[in-house]
Amino acid sequence: MDLVTLLLIAVGLSFDSFAVSLANGLTIHKLNRWLIFKSSTNLALFQGFMPVAGYYTAIGFQDSIQDYDHWIAFVLLFFIGAKMIYESLSQNDEGPFKIELSKIRLVSQGIGTSIDALAIGVSFAFLKIDILRPALIIFIVTFIASLIGIQLGKYYGNKLGARMEIIGGLILIGIGFKILIEHLFFQ
């Protein structure tokens, strides 16, 4: 597979991570360089690892993965987004509520945004495409997209003020619905 095609696949896979990073930038409490790096690396690692996992587990599992991958992503992203909105609406009026970047949130975001990458790995296995180069390209592109997304979220979150976690939650729920609709109606 040529480099341009791999880059286009990587960019397509990174859109969800970009949107999640944008939401993180809007809502993470005390966002600093370490948290920016941690969040971006987490999303990139999941996006880079899932094609490898899909590739090596593809034999005999392609049909079962395609049957429910979109539901897993939808449930994870919907739950995280709804929780962000609920927490925002249940806060007191002393100032904006900001989320913490917990391990559970990191793992949930990583899994929720990379289920499609798992399916790509399965496809690469059936097409007999070596997985290491695509996985590395997907990792790098996702890392860059996540860094850009979180910085944009941080900038606009600081400009717009309180209750930005509602927008972040809506973004995550929207991504979940997008994944679900794509898989139910366009595949």
Foldseek 3Di string as FASTA:
>chain_A
DDPVVLLVVLLVLLPLLLLLLLLQLLFAPPDDPVNLQVLLLLQLCLQLVLLVVLQVVLVPCLVVLLVCLLVLLLVLLLVVLVVLLVVQVPDDPPFAHGDHCDPVNSVSSNSNSRSVSNNVSSVCNVVVHDRNVSSVSSSVSNSVSSSVSSVNSNVVSVVVTHDSSNVSSVSSNVVSVVSVCCSPPPD
